[in-house]
Amino acid sequence: MYLGNWSNDLRNGFGTILDNKGKIIFEGEWKNDKMIPSKNK
């Protein structure tokens, strides 16, 4: 499940992907429906 911002039916901005139990799989920035890797590690 995706929770976050949308633009033109694509994931854009901040969003979170959750598995079916509610565990976060990815949380961060999206651009044109693609995850943007964090530069901070």
Foldseek 3Di string as FASTA:
>chain_A
DKDDDDDPNAAAAWIFDADPVGHTPDTDGDDRNHDDDDPPD
